[in-house]
Amino acid sequence: MSKALQLTDSLKAAEAAVKNLVHPASIQWENGKWQVILSFYRDLEQIPGRPEFIEISNGFHAAKAIKELQGVTFFCYLVESEYRELKEKKKKKIA
């Protein structure tokens, strides 16, 4: 029983640490990897590294912005206007 309590305490501490940095919509363990779905792109900006953008078409979101850090995937969904704005900013940086 004490190992189960240690496990739940560790999971709660991890949740608190994530919430201290970003606003997660979901934290999940999938196919042997942690995934943190973020509520906002500004949260993804708190994670080091360059984002990868994957265009999607699900009727509401235009893209998914992703960063990986030490085997943990952080991502958020972008509506068309957000995605377009980020693409424009990227073009200006390159120019």
C-alpha atoms as a PDB file:
ATOM      1  CA  MET A   1       0.000   0.000   0.000  1.00  0.00           C
ATOM      2  CA  SER A   2       2.799   2.458   0.788  1.00  0.00           C
ATOM      3  CA  LYS A   3       4.257   2.131  -2.749  1.00  0.00           C
ATOM      4  CA  ALA A   4       0.847   3.011  -4.170  1.00  0.00           C
ATOM      5  CA  LEU A   5       0.724   6.092  -1.941  1.00  0.00           C
ATOM      6  CA  GLN A   6       4.240   7.080  -3.046  1.00  0.00           C
ATOM      7  CA  LEU A   7       3.130   6.725  -6.650  1.00  0.00           C
ATOM      8  CA  THR A   8       0.059   8.909  -6.223  1.00  0.00           C
ATOM      9  CA  ASP A   9       2.101  11.498  -4.312  1.00  0.00           C
ATOM     10  CA  SER A  10       4.668  11.546  -7.142  1.00  0.00           C
ATOM     11  CA  LEU A  11       1.970  11.968  -9.787  1.00  0.00           C
ATOM     12  CA  LYS A  12       0.369  14.821  -7.845  1.00  0.00           C
ATOM     13  CA  ALA A  13       3.767  16.504  -7.418  1.00  0.00           C
ATOM     14  CA  ALA A  14       4.403  16.195 -11.166  1.00  0.00           C
ATOM     15  CA  GLU A  15       0.991  17.709 -11.894  1.00  0.00           C
ATOM     16  CA  ALA A  16       1.736  20.632  -9.567  1.00  0.00           C
ATOM     17  CA  ALA A  17       5.127  21.194 -11.231  1.00  0.00           C
ATOM     18  CA  VAL A  18       3.527  21.275 -14.690  1.00  0.00           C
ATOM     19  CA  LYS A  19       0.817  23.678 -13.518  1.00  0.00           C
ATOM     20  CA  ASN A  20       3.494  25.923 -12.013  1.00  0.00           C
ATOM     21  CA  LEU A  21       4.897  26.559 -15.519  1.00  0.00           C
ATOM     22  CA  VAL A  22       1.995  26.156 -17.956  1.00  0.00           C
ATOM     23  CA  HIS A  23      -1.781  25.705 -18.217  1.00  0.00           C
ATOM     24  CA  PRO A  24      -2.283  22.060 -19.162  1.00  0.00           C
ATOM     25  CA  ALA A  25      -5.538  20.927 -20.688  1.00  0.00           C
ATOM     26  CA  SER A  26      -4.439  17.328 -20.184  1.00  0.00           C
ATOM     27  CA  ILE A  27      -1.463  15.325 -18.965  1.00  0.00           C
ATOM     28  CA  GLN A  28      -1.416  11.781 -20.260  1.00  0.00           C
ATOM     29  CA  TRP A  29       0.731   8.706 -20.619  1.00  0.00           C
ATOM     30  CA  GLU A  30       0.343   7.260 -24.100  1.00  0.00           C
ATOM     31  CA  ASN A  31       2.371   4.548 -25.805  1.00  0.00           C
ATOM     32  CA  GLY A  32       5.122   4.798 -23.209  1.00  0.00           C
ATOM     33  CA  LYS A  33       5.492   8.583 -23.440  1.00  0.00           C
ATOM     34  CA  TRP A  34       4.216  11.548 -21.481  1.00  0.00           C
ATOM     35  CA  GLN A  35       2.158  14.080 -23.402  1.00  0.00           C
ATOM     36  CA  VAL A  36       1.113  17.455 -22.079  1.00  0.00           C
ATOM     37  CA  ILE A  37      -1.670  19.110 -24.046  1.00  0.00           C
ATOM     38  CA  LEU A  38      -1.511  22.836 -23.425  1.00  0.00           C
ATOM     39  CA  SER A  39      -4.383  25.276 -23.411  1.00  0.00           C
ATOM     40  CA  PHE A  40      -2.533  28.121 -25.126  1.00  0.00           C
ATOM     41  CA  TYR A  41       0.363  28.663 -27.531  1.00  0.00           C
ATOM     42  CA  ARG A  42       1.925  31.094 -25.040  1.00  0.00           C
ATOM     43  CA  ASP A  43       2.307  28.103 -22.715  1.00  0.00           C
ATOM     44  CA  LEU A  44       4.230  26.233 -25.396  1.00  0.00           C
ATOM     45  CA  GLU A  45       6.594  29.225 -25.602  1.00  0.00           C
ATOM     46  CA  GLN A  46       7.663  28.445 -22.008  1.00  0.00           C
ATOM     47  CA  ILE A  47       9.173  25.169 -23.222  1.00  0.00           C
ATOM     48  CA  PRO A  48      12.693  25.451 -24.706  1.00  0.00           C
ATOM     49  CA  GLY A  49      13.227  24.646 -28.369  1.00  0.00           C
ATOM     50  CA  ARG A  50      11.651  25.381 -31.717  1.00  0.00           C
ATOM     51  CA  PRO A  51       8.102  24.294 -32.311  1.00  0.00           C
ATOM     52  CA  GLU A  52       7.140  21.965 -35.113  1.00  0.00           C
ATOM     53  CA  PHE A  53       3.843  22.754 -36.814  1.00  0.00           C
ATOM     54  CA  ILE A  54       1.648  20.046 -38.248  1.00  0.00           C
ATOM     55  CA  GLU A  55      -1.312  21.141 -40.328  1.00  0.00           C
ATOM     56  CA  ILE A  56      -4.533  19.373 -39.443  1.00  0.00           C
ATOM     57  CA  SER A  57      -8.090  19.725 -40.569  1.00  0.00           C
ATOM     58  CA  ASN A  58     -10.614  18.713 -37.977  1.00  0.00           C
ATOM     59  CA  GLY A  59     -13.177  21.414 -38.640  1.00  0.00           C
ATOM     60  CA  PHE A  60     -12.008  23.694 -35.854  1.00  0.00           C
ATOM     61  CA  HIS A  61      -8.220  23.577 -35.575  1.00  0.00           C
ATOM     62  CA  ALA A  62      -5.825  24.351 -38.414  1.00  0.00           C
ATOM     63  CA  ALA A  63      -2.597  23.083 -36.872  1.00  0.00           C
ATOM     64  CA  LYS A  64      -0.888  21.462 -33.957  1.00  0.00           C
ATOM     65  CA  ALA A  65       2.256  23.105 -32.481  1.00  0.00           C
ATOM     66  CA  ILE A  66       4.636  20.627 -30.858  1.00  0.00           C
ATOM     67  CA  LYS A  67       7.832  20.715 -28.815  1.00  0.00           C
ATOM     68  CA  GLU A  68       9.669  17.790 -27.272  1.00  0.00           C
ATOM     69  CA  LEU A  69      11.844  18.063 -24.201  1.00  0.00           C
ATOM     70  CA  GLN A  70      13.593  15.093 -22.622  1.00  0.00           C
ATOM     71  CA  GLY A  71      11.137  12.625 -24.096  1.00  0.00           C
ATOM     72  CA  VAL A  72       8.026  14.571 -23.042  1.00  0.00           C
ATOM     73  CA  THR A  73       5.816  15.925 -25.832  1.00  0.00           C
ATOM     74  CA  PHE A  74       4.169  19.298 -25.267  1.00  0.00           C
ATOM     75  CA  PHE A  75       1.607  20.503 -27.778  1.00  0.00           C
ATOM     76  CA  CYS A  76      -1.355  22.749 -28.364  1.00  0.00           C
ATOM     77  CA  TYR A  77      -3.925  23.098 -31.081  1.00  0.00           C
ATOM     78  CA  LEU A  78      -4.126  26.294 -33.128  1.00  0.00           C
ATOM     79  CA  VAL A  79      -7.154  27.832 -34.779  1.00  0.00           C
ATOM     80  CA  GLU A  80      -6.675  29.225 -38.294  1.00  0.00           C
ATOM     81  CA  SER A  81      -6.057  32.835 -37.197  1.00  0.00           C
ATOM     82  CA  GLU A  82      -3.370  31.799 -34.655  1.00  0.00           C
ATOM     83  CA  TYR A  83      -1.644  29.564 -37.160  1.00  0.00           C
ATOM     84  CA  ARG A  84      -1.673  32.237 -39.867  1.00  0.00           C
ATOM     85  CA  GLU A  85      -0.237  34.817 -37.430  1.00  0.00           C
ATOM     86  CA  LEU A  86       2.569  32.478 -36.355  1.00  0.00           C
ATOM     87  CA  LYS A  87       3.450  31.704 -39.982  1.00  0.00           C
ATOM     88  CA  GLU A  88       3.669  35.453 -40.717  1.00  0.00           C
ATOM     89  CA  LYS A  89       5.951  36.034 -37.709  1.00  0.00           C
ATOM     90  CA  LYS A  90       8.184  33.192 -38.867  1.00  0.00           C
ATOM     91  CA  LYS A  91       8.409  34.685 -42.381  1.00  0.00           C
ATOM     92  CA  LYS A  92       9.405  38.084 -40.942  1.00  0.00           C
ATOM     93  CA  LYS A  93      12.168  36.499 -38.836  1.00  0.00           C
ATOM     94  CA  ILE A  94      13.581  34.755 -41.904  1.00  0.00           C
ATOM     95  CA  ALA A  95      13.486  37.913 -44.057  1.00  0.00           C
END
